[in-house]
Amino acid sequence: MSTNEGHNDVLVSWEVDEIEVQATLTRPPGEGPFPAVIFVAGSGPTDRNWNSPLVPGTNGSGALLARVLAENGFITLRYDKRASGSKVQENIKRLVGKISMHGHLEELAGGGDLLARRQDVDASHIFALTNSEGCVHAINYQTQSPAFPFAGMVLTSAFARPTGDLAHSQIAAQLEAVPGGADLLAAYDAAIKDFLAGRPVEIDEQLPEALRMVIIGVTQPVNQPFSRELWAYDPTKQLTKATAPVLIVLGKKDIQVDWATNGPLFENVARKHANIEIVYMENANHVLKYEPKPRPQITPADAMATYSADTTQLDPDTSETIITWLKSHL
């Protein structure tokens, strides 16, 4: 199915478990065949354009990158996960207890199949461009012997440790200056430990609302079995199974995935796997937008406000680095 959405944009879709996955395909001018890039968005309700209802604005980096890549001769495909986008309220009722790593893999596989079967796509050069949690899903897809393996993967804002470890460190950093923060962190850890062990989770009502909501979000039935699978998934270990070229892009202005912590872990892997390259972008934030502030001055509230704001733009050095790497592997 496809309808015109605007200049060089086409709406497309495929089904996973009888639920429609909606997507936008952006074409360069001409007949092709063109190399292609499929986008895999970050966590939660982040949509195909890399916008989220949790942050202000609609100037998502996914849509911006799609247009930049089309200008450079790539077809791009970006999709709404079934638990995101305009159909989320309708879909979520049907997804209770069914969201899983495998479900995410099938969403991505459907997009890869769509691209590979198009006459205007060079099926031997389909790449993945991912952000944050999306990196996990691309790695998982690539290492499961897919019908259409990627010619390469660009993993942006990728975390090198299991998601549970990353979440713990992020929460610990936020609680560091809070009175009684150590006790709050211990309560969080206890709840997550019970969750991972399959025991009932009791959430202390004295915890700050934000921390309670994190625990509820991870443990609620609608997110199972996915949360439990994701919390234990080790992306660095799984990445060693990928043989195609990989570019890992870490922004030094990213306050969610710290480059100084995750970079060395990826570097340890890259020393033994020549297909993996890591680059550090001086001014890129978590979603590859240009961040002018010095890193110590960026607060979580500041960062979230810039992700999709109309006044922000892609970090040009990051865009150029990604495009150059992709073209070098054609």
Protein backbone atom coordinates (compact mmCIF):
# COMPACT_ATOMS: atom_id res chain seq x y z
CA MET A 1 0.00 0.00 0.00
CA SER A 2 1.30 3.47 -0.79
CA THR A 3 -0.02 7.01 -1.19
CA ASN A 4 1.73 10.29 -1.87
CA GLU A 5 2.71 12.16 1.29
CA GLY A 6 4.59 15.00 -0.37
CA HIS A 7 7.61 15.57 -2.58
CA ASN A 8 9.72 12.40 -2.73
CA ASP A 9 7.84 10.91 0.26
CA VAL A 10 5.64 7.83 0.01
CA LEU A 11 3.57 6.22 2.76
CA VAL A 12 4.03 2.46 2.95
CA SER A 13 3.09 -0.26 5.42
CA TRP A 14 3.38 -3.94 6.28
CA GLU A 15 1.80 -6.18 8.91
CA VAL A 16 3.20 -7.89 11.97
CA ASP A 17 0.75 -10.16 13.83
CA GLU A 18 -2.15 -8.54 11.94
CA ILE A 19 -1.15 -5.06 13.15
CA GLU A 20 -0.13 -2.51 10.54
CA VAL A 21 3.35 -1.04 10.75
CA GLN A 22 3.17 2.41 9.18
CA ALA A 23 6.20 3.97 7.52
CA THR A 24 7.52 6.71 5.26
CA LEU A 25 9.78 5.99 2.33
CA THR A 26 11.81 8.95 1.07
CA ARG A 27 13.25 8.74 -2.46
CA PRO A 28 15.94 10.67 -4.27
CA PRO A 29 15.05 11.84 -7.78
CA GLY A 30 15.58 9.35 -10.60
CA GLU A 31 14.80 5.70 -11.26
CA GLY A 32 17.56 3.96 -9.32
CA PRO A 33 18.30 1.38 -8.18
CA PHE A 34 19.52 3.26 -5.11
CA PRO A 35 21.25 2.09 -1.96
CA ALA A 36 18.82 2.16 0.95
CA VAL A 37 18.82 2.95 4.66
CA ILE A 38 16.21 1.71 7.13
CA PHE A 39 15.88 3.74 10.33
CA VAL A 40 15.32 2.15 13.73
CA ALA A 41 14.10 4.64 16.33
CA GLY A 42 14.92 4.83 20.02
CA SER A 43 12.98 3.69 23.06
CA GLY A 44 9.41 4.08 24.23
CA PRO A 45 6.91 5.97 22.09
CA THR A 46 9.55 7.49 19.78
CA ASP A 47 8.03 7.51 16.29
CA ARG A 48 9.37 7.17 12.76
CA ASN A 49 10.56 10.79 12.71
CA TRP A 50 12.30 10.37 16.09
CA ASN A 51 9.69 12.54 17.80
CA SER A 52 8.20 11.53 21.13
CA PRO A 53 5.09 12.73 22.99
CA LEU A 54 7.34 12.88 26.06
CA VAL A 55 9.37 15.81 24.67
CA PRO A 56 8.23 19.07 23.06
CA GLY A 57 8.37 19.75 19.34
CA THR A 58 8.03 17.88 16.07
CA ASN A 59 11.40 18.60 14.43
CA GLY A 60 12.62 15.02 14.80
CA SER A 61 16.09 13.99 13.71
CA GLY A 62 14.81 10.93 11.85
CA ALA A 63 12.88 12.99 9.31
CA LEU A 64 15.78 15.42 8.95
CA LEU A 65 18.30 12.63 8.34
CA ALA A 66 16.00 10.96 5.82
CA ARG A 67 15.98 14.08 3.69
CA VAL A 68 19.73 14.60 3.95
CA LEU A 69 20.34 11.01 2.87
CA ALA A 70 17.87 11.30 -0.02
CA GLU A 71 19.79 14.37 -1.19
CA ASN A 72 22.86 12.14 -1.24
CA GLY A 73 21.31 9.38 -3.31
CA PHE A 74 19.87 7.01 -0.69
CA ILE A 75 16.31 5.72 -0.39
CA THR A 76 15.31 5.78 3.27
CA LEU A 77 12.58 3.96 5.17
CA ARG A 78 11.52 5.01 8.65
CA TYR A 79 8.67 3.36 10.52
CA ASP A 80 6.50 3.68 13.60
CA LYS A 81 6.94 0.80 15.99
CA ARG A 82 3.53 -0.67 16.69
CA ALA A 83 3.65 0.87 20.18
CA SER A 84 4.35 4.35 18.81
CA GLY A 85 2.97 6.82 16.31
CA SER A 86 -0.58 7.82 15.51
CA LYS A 87 -2.01 4.31 16.03
CA VAL A 88 -0.48 3.67 19.44
CA GLN A 89 -3.73 3.92 21.43
CA GLU A 90 -5.45 1.53 19.07
CA ASN A 91 -2.54 -0.91 18.89
CA ILE A 92 -1.57 -0.99 22.54
CA LYS A 93 -4.73 -2.85 23.54
CA ARG A 94 -3.74 -5.67 21.19
CA LEU A 95 -0.11 -5.67 22.30
CA VAL A 96 -0.60 -6.29 26.02
CA GLY A 97 1.78 -9.07 26.99
CA LYS A 98 2.98 -9.46 23.40
CA ILE A 99 5.71 -6.81 23.09
CA SER A 100 9.01 -8.65 22.77
CA MET A 101 12.46 -8.57 21.23
CA HIS A 102 11.15 -10.93 18.56
CA GLY A 103 8.28 -8.57 17.81
CA HIS A 104 10.70 -5.70 17.28
CA LEU A 105 12.78 -7.96 15.04
CA GLU A 106 9.72 -8.76 12.92
CA GLU A 107 8.88 -5.06 12.54
CA LEU A 108 12.39 -4.43 11.24
CA ALA A 109 12.37 -7.54 9.05
CA GLY A 110 9.15 -6.39 7.40
CA GLY A 111 10.78 -3.12 6.46
CA GLY A 112 13.88 -4.84 5.16
CA ASP A 113 11.74 -7.17 3.05
CA LEU A 114 9.81 -4.23 1.62
CA LEU A 115 13.03 -2.46 0.60
CA ALA A 116 14.68 -5.58 -0.83
CA ARG A 117 11.73 -6.26 -3.12
CA ARG A 118 11.52 -2.77 -4.60
CA GLN A 119 12.90 -2.34 -8.12
CA ASP A 120 14.31 1.09 -7.24
CA VAL A 121 16.41 -0.36 -4.37
CA ASP A 122 19.82 -1.98 -4.67
CA ALA A 123 19.08 -4.95 -2.40
CA SER A 124 22.79 -5.66 -1.91
CA HIS A 125 23.25 -2.27 -0.24
CA ILE A 126 20.61 -1.90 2.45
CA PHE A 127 21.98 -0.32 5.62
CA ALA A 128 20.52 0.28 9.09
CA LEU A 129 20.69 3.69 10.79
CA THR A 130 19.70 3.41 14.42
CA ASN A 131 19.46 5.48 17.58
CA SER A 132 19.82 4.42 21.22
CA GLU A 133 17.61 1.38 21.92
CA GLY A 134 17.15 0.99 18.17
CA CYS A 135 20.79 -0.14 18.03
CA VAL A 136 19.85 -3.21 20.06
CA HIS A 137 17.11 -4.17 17.61
CA ALA A 138 19.38 -3.77 14.59
CA ILE A 139 22.10 -5.89 16.21
CA ASN A 140 19.53 -8.52 17.19
CA TYR A 141 18.17 -8.61 13.63
CA GLN A 142 21.59 -8.80 12.00
CA THR A 143 22.76 -11.68 14.20
CA GLN A 144 19.67 -13.88 13.69
CA SER A 145 20.50 -15.00 10.12
CA PRO A 146 17.94 -12.69 8.46
CA ALA A 147 16.69 -13.18 4.92
CA PHE A 148 18.07 -9.77 3.97
CA PRO A 149 21.09 -8.97 6.13
CA PHE A 150 22.29 -5.37 6.27
CA ALA A 151 25.28 -4.33 4.21
CA GLY A 152 26.30 -2.30 7.23
CA MET A 153 24.98 -0.67 10.39
CA VAL A 154 25.29 2.86 11.74
CA LEU A 155 24.68 2.69 15.50
CA THR A 156 24.20 6.17 16.95
CA SER A 157 24.04 6.91 20.68
CA ALA A 158 24.66 3.22 21.22
CA PHE A 159 25.07 1.88 24.75
CA ALA A 160 27.67 -0.81 25.34
CA ARG A 161 26.25 -2.33 28.51
CA PRO A 162 22.98 -4.16 29.17
CA THR A 163 20.04 -1.76 29.37
CA GLY A 164 19.53 -2.51 33.04
CA ASP A 165 23.10 -1.44 33.81
CA LEU A 166 22.68 1.73 31.77
CA ALA A 167 19.41 2.62 33.51
CA HIS A 168 21.01 2.07 36.92
CA SER A 169 23.92 4.38 36.11
CA GLN A 170 21.61 7.10 34.73
CA ILE A 171 19.40 7.00 37.81
CA ALA A 172 22.44 6.92 40.12
CA ALA A 173 23.81 10.05 38.45
CA GLN A 174 20.50 11.87 38.86
CA LEU A 175 20.24 10.89 42.54
CA GLU A 176 23.84 11.71 43.40
CA ALA A 177 23.04 15.19 44.70
CA VAL A 178 19.62 14.30 46.16
CA PRO A 179 19.40 13.92 49.97
CA GLY A 180 18.88 10.24 50.71
CA GLY A 181 19.72 9.38 47.12
CA ALA A 182 21.60 6.21 48.07
CA ASP A 183 18.52 4.81 49.80
CA LEU A 184 16.31 5.72 46.84
CA LEU A 185 18.69 3.96 44.47
CA ALA A 186 18.72 0.88 46.70
CA ALA A 187 14.91 0.79 46.63
CA TYR A 188 14.94 1.03 42.84
CA ASP A 189 17.52 -1.76 42.57
CA ALA A 190 15.50 -4.00 44.88
CA ALA A 191 12.35 -3.54 42.79
CA ILE A 192 14.19 -4.32 39.55
CA LYS A 193 15.89 -7.36 41.11
CA ASP A 194 12.47 -8.76 42.05
CA PHE A 195 11.19 -8.02 38.54
CA LEU A 196 14.05 -9.81 36.81
CA ALA A 197 13.64 -12.79 39.13
CA GLY A 198 9.95 -13.04 38.29
CA ARG A 199 8.86 -12.08 41.80
CA PRO A 200 6.02 -9.62 42.57
CA VAL A 201 7.27 -6.05 42.53
CA GLU A 202 6.35 -3.81 45.44
CA ILE A 203 6.93 -0.11 44.76
CA ASP A 204 7.62 2.02 47.81
CA GLU A 205 5.05 4.84 47.85
CA GLN A 206 7.67 7.10 49.44
CA LEU A 207 9.77 7.06 46.26
CA PRO A 208 9.69 10.22 44.12
CA GLU A 209 7.02 10.04 41.44
CA ALA A 210 9.56 10.08 38.60
CA LEU A 211 11.36 7.04 40.00
CA ARG A 212 8.09 5.22 40.67
CA MET A 213 7.05 5.83 37.06
CA VAL A 214 10.31 4.35 35.80
CA ILE A 215 9.70 1.16 37.78
CA ILE A 216 6.08 1.00 36.69
CA GLY A 217 7.07 1.53 33.06
CA VAL A 218 9.56 -1.32 33.15
CA THR A 219 7.40 -3.79 35.05
CA GLN A 220 3.89 -3.18 33.74
CA PRO A 221 2.31 -6.14 31.87
CA VAL A 222 1.88 -4.26 28.60
CA ASN A 223 5.67 -4.09 28.19
CA GLN A 224 6.26 -7.81 28.78
CA PRO A 225 8.15 -9.88 27.99
CA PHE A 226 10.13 -7.13 26.24
CA SER A 227 11.35 -5.20 29.29
CA ARG A 228 12.74 -8.30 30.95
CA GLU A 229 14.47 -9.38 27.73
CA LEU A 230 15.89 -5.93 27.04
CA TRP A 231 17.14 -5.36 30.60
CA ALA A 232 19.43 -8.39 30.28
CA TYR A 233 20.47 -7.99 26.61
CA ASP A 234 24.20 -7.34 26.25
CA PRO A 235 24.69 -5.37 22.99
CA THR A 236 28.49 -5.49 23.08
CA LYS A 237 28.57 -9.26 23.41
CA GLN A 238 26.05 -9.69 20.60
CA LEU A 239 27.85 -7.17 18.38
CA THR A 240 30.84 -9.50 18.18
CA LYS A 241 28.66 -11.85 16.09
CA ALA A 242 28.08 -9.23 13.37
CA THR A 243 30.47 -9.45 10.42
CA ALA A 244 29.20 -6.57 8.25
CA PRO A 245 30.77 -3.10 8.63
CA VAL A 246 29.60 -1.19 11.71
CA LEU A 247 29.98 2.51 12.50
CA ILE A 248 29.33 3.49 16.12
CA VAL A 249 28.61 7.20 16.55
CA LEU A 250 28.81 8.68 20.06
CA GLY A 251 28.11 12.34 20.74
CA LYS A 252 30.14 14.10 23.39
CA LYS A 253 27.11 16.25 24.28
CA ASP A 254 24.90 13.19 24.86
CA ILE A 255 23.87 13.11 28.53
CA GLN A 256 21.90 9.85 28.22
CA VAL A 257 24.65 7.66 26.79
CA ASP A 258 28.00 8.86 28.09
CA TRP A 259 30.69 8.57 25.42
CA ALA A 260 33.52 8.38 27.95
CA THR A 261 31.93 5.34 29.61
CA ASN A 262 30.60 3.46 26.59
CA GLY A 263 33.30 4.35 24.08
CA PRO A 264 36.14 2.40 25.71
CA LEU A 265 33.93 -0.70 25.96
CA PHE A 266 33.22 -0.54 22.24
CA GLU A 267 36.90 0.12 21.56
CA ASN A 268 37.80 -3.10 23.36
CA VAL A 269 35.55 -4.99 20.95
CA ALA A 270 36.81 -3.09 17.89
CA ARG A 271 40.41 -4.10 18.64
CA LYS A 272 39.47 -7.69 17.90
CA HIS A 273 36.88 -7.00 15.19
CA ALA A 274 38.17 -4.93 12.27
CA ASN A 275 34.65 -4.40 10.88
CA ILE A 276 33.78 -2.06 13.80
CA GLU A 277 34.68 1.64 13.77
CA ILE A 278 33.92 4.19 16.52
CA VAL A 279 33.72 7.96 16.04
CA TYR A 280 33.15 10.66 18.64
CA MET A 281 31.28 13.80 17.61
CA GLU A 282 32.23 16.91 19.56
CA ASN A 283 28.86 18.71 19.50
CA ALA A 284 26.21 16.03 18.93
CA ASN A 285 23.52 15.30 21.52
CA HIS A 286 21.59 12.07 22.00
CA VAL A 287 19.55 12.49 18.81
CA LEU A 288 22.43 13.92 16.76
CA LYS A 289 21.35 17.55 17.05
CA TYR A 290 23.95 20.29 17.35
CA GLU A 291 24.46 21.31 21.00
CA PRO A 292 26.42 24.57 21.51
CA LYS A 293 26.61 24.44 25.32
CA PRO A 294 29.63 22.95 27.10
CA ARG A 295 28.84 19.46 28.39
CA PRO A 296 28.97 20.39 32.13
CA GLN A 297 26.28 23.05 31.58
CA ILE A 298 23.71 20.72 30.00
CA THR A 299 20.93 19.59 32.36
CA PRO A 300 18.50 16.75 31.59
CA ALA A 301 15.71 19.30 31.15
CA ASP A 302 17.83 21.33 28.73
CA ALA A 303 18.67 18.26 26.70
CA MET A 304 15.10 16.99 26.38
CA ALA A 305 13.92 20.43 25.32
CA THR A 306 16.28 20.43 22.33
CA TYR A 307 15.58 16.96 20.92
CA SER A 308 12.68 17.93 18.64
CA ALA A 309 12.57 21.71 19.01
CA ASP A 310 11.90 23.69 15.84
CA THR A 311 14.94 25.88 16.51
CA THR A 312 17.44 22.99 16.56
CA GLN A 313 19.29 21.35 13.69
CA LEU A 314 21.30 18.23 12.98
CA ASP A 315 24.94 18.40 13.92
CA PRO A 316 26.53 18.94 10.49
CA ASP A 317 29.74 17.07 11.34
CA THR A 318 27.72 14.02 12.37
CA SER A 319 25.59 14.05 9.22
CA GLU A 320 28.68 14.37 7.05
CA THR A 321 30.44 11.54 8.91
CA ILE A 322 27.48 9.18 8.46
CA ILE A 323 27.05 9.98 4.77
CA THR A 324 30.77 9.61 4.05
CA TRP A 325 30.88 6.24 5.82
CA LEU A 326 27.81 4.94 3.98
CA LYS A 327 29.18 5.98 0.59
CA SER A 328 32.51 4.35 1.37
CA HIS A 329 30.73 0.99 1.69
CA LEU A 330 28.86 1.05 -1.62
